[in-house]
N, C-alpha and C. Protein backbone atom coordinates (compact mmCIF):
# COMPACT_ATOMS: atom_id res chain seq x y z
N UNK A 1 98.24 76.97 115.51
CA UNK A 1 99.41 77.79 115.68
C UNK A 1 99.01 79.10 116.37
N UNK A 2 99.74 79.45 117.40
CA UNK A 2 99.46 80.69 118.13
C UNK A 2 100.14 81.86 117.43
N UNK A 3 99.46 82.98 117.48
CA UNK A 3 100.03 84.22 116.96
C UNK A 3 100.36 85.09 118.17
N UNK A 4 101.61 85.46 118.29
CA UNK A 4 102.06 86.20 119.46
C UNK A 4 101.93 87.71 119.25
N UNK A 5 101.54 88.38 120.33
CA UNK A 5 101.40 89.82 120.27
C UNK A 5 102.68 90.46 119.75
N UNK A 6 102.51 91.38 118.82
CA UNK A 6 103.64 92.14 118.30
C UNK A 6 104.33 91.50 117.12
N UNK A 7 103.97 90.26 116.77
CA UNK A 7 104.61 89.60 115.63
C UNK A 7 104.02 90.15 114.32
N UNK A 8 104.68 89.86 113.22
CA UNK A 8 104.19 90.29 111.92
C UNK A 8 102.80 89.71 111.68
N UNK A 9 102.63 88.45 112.02
CA UNK A 9 101.34 87.78 111.83
C UNK A 9 100.25 88.44 112.69
N UNK A 10 100.61 88.85 113.88
CA UNK A 10 99.66 89.55 114.75
C UNK A 10 99.16 90.82 114.07
N UNK A 11 100.08 91.59 113.53
CA UNK A 11 99.69 92.84 112.89
C UNK A 11 98.93 92.60 111.59
N UNK A 12 99.22 91.53 110.89
CA UNK A 12 98.42 91.19 109.71
C UNK A 12 96.98 90.92 110.12
N UNK A 13 96.80 90.20 111.22
CA UNK A 13 95.44 89.94 111.72
C UNK A 13 94.77 91.23 112.16
N UNK A 14 95.52 92.11 112.79
CA UNK A 14 94.96 93.39 113.23
C UNK A 14 94.53 94.23 112.03
N UNK A 15 95.33 94.25 110.99
CA UNK A 15 94.97 95.00 109.79
C UNK A 15 93.68 94.44 109.19
N UNK A 16 93.58 93.13 109.11
CA UNK A 16 92.36 92.50 108.58
C UNK A 16 91.17 92.79 109.49
N UNK A 17 91.38 92.77 110.78
CA UNK A 17 90.31 93.06 111.73
C UNK A 17 89.79 94.49 111.55
N UNK A 18 90.70 95.45 111.42
CA UNK A 18 90.31 96.84 111.18
C UNK A 18 89.54 96.93 109.88
N UNK A 19 90.03 96.25 108.83
CA UNK A 19 89.38 96.30 107.52
C UNK A 19 87.96 95.73 107.59
N UNK A 20 87.78 94.64 108.31
CA UNK A 20 86.45 94.04 108.44
C UNK A 20 85.50 94.95 109.20
N UNK A 21 85.99 95.56 110.27
CA UNK A 21 85.14 96.47 111.05
C UNK A 21 84.69 97.67 110.22
N UNK A 22 85.50 98.05 109.26
CA UNK A 22 85.16 99.20 108.40
C UNK A 22 84.51 98.77 107.09
N UNK A 23 84.28 97.50 106.94
CA UNK A 23 83.65 96.94 105.74
C UNK A 23 84.46 97.22 104.48
N UNK A 24 85.78 97.22 104.60
CA UNK A 24 86.63 97.35 103.42
C UNK A 24 86.68 95.99 102.73
N UNK A 25 86.27 95.94 101.48
CA UNK A 25 86.27 94.68 100.74
C UNK A 25 87.64 94.45 100.12
N UNK A 26 88.12 95.43 99.41
CA UNK A 26 89.46 95.36 98.81
C UNK A 26 90.30 96.46 99.44
N UNK A 27 91.41 96.08 99.99
CA UNK A 27 92.26 97.06 100.66
C UNK A 27 93.09 97.83 99.64
N UNK A 28 92.73 99.06 99.42
CA UNK A 28 93.53 99.93 98.57
C UNK A 28 94.69 100.46 99.40
N UNK A 29 95.67 101.01 98.71
CA UNK A 29 96.85 101.55 99.39
C UNK A 29 96.47 102.55 100.48
N UNK A 30 95.53 103.43 100.18
CA UNK A 30 95.12 104.45 101.14
C UNK A 30 94.51 103.83 102.39
N UNK A 31 93.74 102.77 102.20
CA UNK A 31 93.12 102.11 103.34
C UNK A 31 94.15 101.40 104.21
N UNK A 32 95.11 100.74 103.57
CA UNK A 32 96.19 100.09 104.32
C UNK A 32 96.96 101.13 105.11
N UNK A 33 97.27 102.25 104.48
CA UNK A 33 98.03 103.30 105.15
C UNK A 33 97.24 103.94 106.29
N UNK A 34 95.93 104.06 106.11
CA UNK A 34 95.08 104.60 107.17
C UNK A 34 95.09 103.68 108.40
N UNK A 35 94.94 102.38 108.16
CA UNK A 35 94.97 101.41 109.25
C UNK A 35 96.35 101.39 109.90
N UNK A 36 97.39 101.40 109.08
CA UNK A 36 98.77 101.43 109.58
C UNK A 36 98.96 102.62 110.51
N UNK A 37 98.50 103.78 110.09
CA UNK A 37 98.68 104.99 110.90
C UNK A 37 97.98 104.88 112.25
N UNK A 38 96.78 104.33 112.24
CA UNK A 38 96.05 104.18 113.50
C UNK A 38 96.74 103.19 114.44
N UNK A 39 97.19 102.07 113.88
CA UNK A 39 97.89 101.08 114.72
C UNK A 39 99.20 101.63 115.25
N UNK A 40 99.93 102.34 114.41
CA UNK A 40 101.20 102.93 114.85
C UNK A 40 100.95 103.98 115.93
N UNK A 41 99.92 104.77 115.76
CA UNK A 41 99.58 105.77 116.76
C UNK A 41 99.26 105.11 118.10
N UNK A 42 98.51 104.02 118.06
CA UNK A 42 98.21 103.28 119.30
C UNK A 42 99.49 102.77 119.96
N UNK A 43 100.39 102.22 119.15
CA UNK A 43 101.65 101.72 119.70
C UNK A 43 102.48 102.84 120.32
N UNK A 44 102.53 103.96 119.65
CA UNK A 44 103.37 105.07 120.12
C UNK A 44 102.79 105.74 121.37
N UNK A 45 101.47 105.84 121.45
CA UNK A 45 100.86 106.66 122.50
C UNK A 45 100.14 105.88 123.59
N UNK A 46 99.61 104.70 123.28
CA UNK A 46 98.80 103.98 124.26
C UNK A 46 99.48 102.74 124.83
N UNK A 47 100.44 102.21 124.12
CA UNK A 47 101.10 100.97 124.52
C UNK A 47 102.29 101.31 125.41
N UNK A 48 102.26 100.81 126.63
CA UNK A 48 103.33 101.11 127.59
C UNK A 48 104.23 99.89 127.70
N UNK A 49 105.49 100.09 127.32
CA UNK A 49 106.48 99.02 127.41
C UNK A 49 107.87 99.65 127.25
N UNK A 50 108.87 98.81 127.27
CA UNK A 50 110.24 99.30 127.06
C UNK A 50 110.40 99.72 125.60
N UNK A 51 111.29 100.67 125.38
CA UNK A 51 111.47 101.23 124.04
C UNK A 51 111.88 100.18 123.01
N UNK A 52 112.72 99.24 123.38
CA UNK A 52 113.17 98.25 122.39
C UNK A 52 112.02 97.33 121.97
N UNK A 53 111.09 97.08 122.84
CA UNK A 53 109.92 96.26 122.49
C UNK A 53 109.01 97.06 121.57
N UNK A 54 108.81 98.33 121.90
CA UNK A 54 107.98 99.19 121.06
C UNK A 54 108.57 99.30 119.66
N UNK A 55 109.88 99.46 119.56
CA UNK A 55 110.54 99.54 118.25
C UNK A 55 110.36 98.25 117.46
N UNK A 56 110.47 97.12 118.12
CA UNK A 56 110.28 95.84 117.44
C UNK A 56 108.84 95.71 116.94
N UNK A 57 107.88 96.12 117.75
CA UNK A 57 106.47 96.08 117.34
C UNK A 57 106.22 96.98 116.13
N UNK A 58 106.78 98.17 116.15
CA UNK A 58 106.60 99.09 115.03
C UNK A 58 107.26 98.54 113.78
N UNK A 59 108.42 97.94 113.92
CA UNK A 59 109.08 97.31 112.78
C UNK A 59 108.21 96.19 112.21
N UNK A 60 107.64 95.37 113.07
CA UNK A 60 106.78 94.28 112.60
C UNK A 60 105.49 94.82 111.96
N UNK A 61 104.96 95.91 112.49
CA UNK A 61 103.81 96.55 111.88
C UNK A 61 104.17 97.05 110.48
N UNK A 62 105.35 97.65 110.35
CA UNK A 62 105.82 98.11 109.04
C UNK A 62 105.88 96.94 108.05
N UNK A 63 106.45 95.83 108.49
CA UNK A 63 106.57 94.67 107.61
C UNK A 63 105.21 94.10 107.23
N UNK A 64 104.30 94.04 108.18
CA UNK A 64 102.95 93.53 107.89
C UNK A 64 102.24 94.43 106.89
N UNK A 65 102.33 95.74 107.08
CA UNK A 65 101.65 96.65 106.15
C UNK A 65 102.29 96.59 104.76
N UNK A 66 103.61 96.40 104.70
CA UNK A 66 104.28 96.25 103.40
C UNK A 66 103.79 95.01 102.68
N UNK A 67 103.57 93.93 103.42
CA UNK A 67 103.03 92.72 102.80
C UNK A 67 101.68 93.00 102.15
N UNK A 68 100.82 93.74 102.86
CA UNK A 68 99.51 94.08 102.31
C UNK A 68 99.64 94.97 101.10
N UNK A 69 100.53 95.95 101.17
CA UNK A 69 100.71 96.85 100.04
C UNK A 69 101.18 96.10 98.80
N UNK A 70 102.11 95.19 98.97
CA UNK A 70 102.62 94.41 97.83
C UNK A 70 101.57 93.43 97.33
N UNK A 71 100.82 92.85 98.24
CA UNK A 71 99.79 91.88 97.87
C UNK A 71 98.72 92.56 97.00
N UNK A 72 98.27 93.72 97.41
CA UNK A 72 97.18 94.36 96.71
C UNK A 72 97.64 95.21 95.53
N UNK A 73 98.94 95.52 95.43
CA UNK A 73 99.45 96.18 94.25
C UNK A 73 99.50 95.20 93.09
N UNK A 74 99.79 93.94 93.40
CA UNK A 74 99.92 92.92 92.35
C UNK A 74 98.57 92.55 91.74
N UNK A 75 97.48 92.81 92.47
CA UNK A 75 96.15 92.42 91.99
C UNK A 75 95.65 93.39 90.97
């Protein structure tokens, strides 16, 4: 199954990729929020596209980070 750029699944993979690069074993809320902030900053400042696409990407990033927050709060 392909994961398309900007989808919720894409951002979940990106969050995991950031976590692995930083050697985060268990993602605490602060770590998820730190990664979220960096990804959002990249989308807002480095990603060039139409505004409606950028908004959709940010919305999907929000949903992906919420999944991580709920997943690790339950543990």
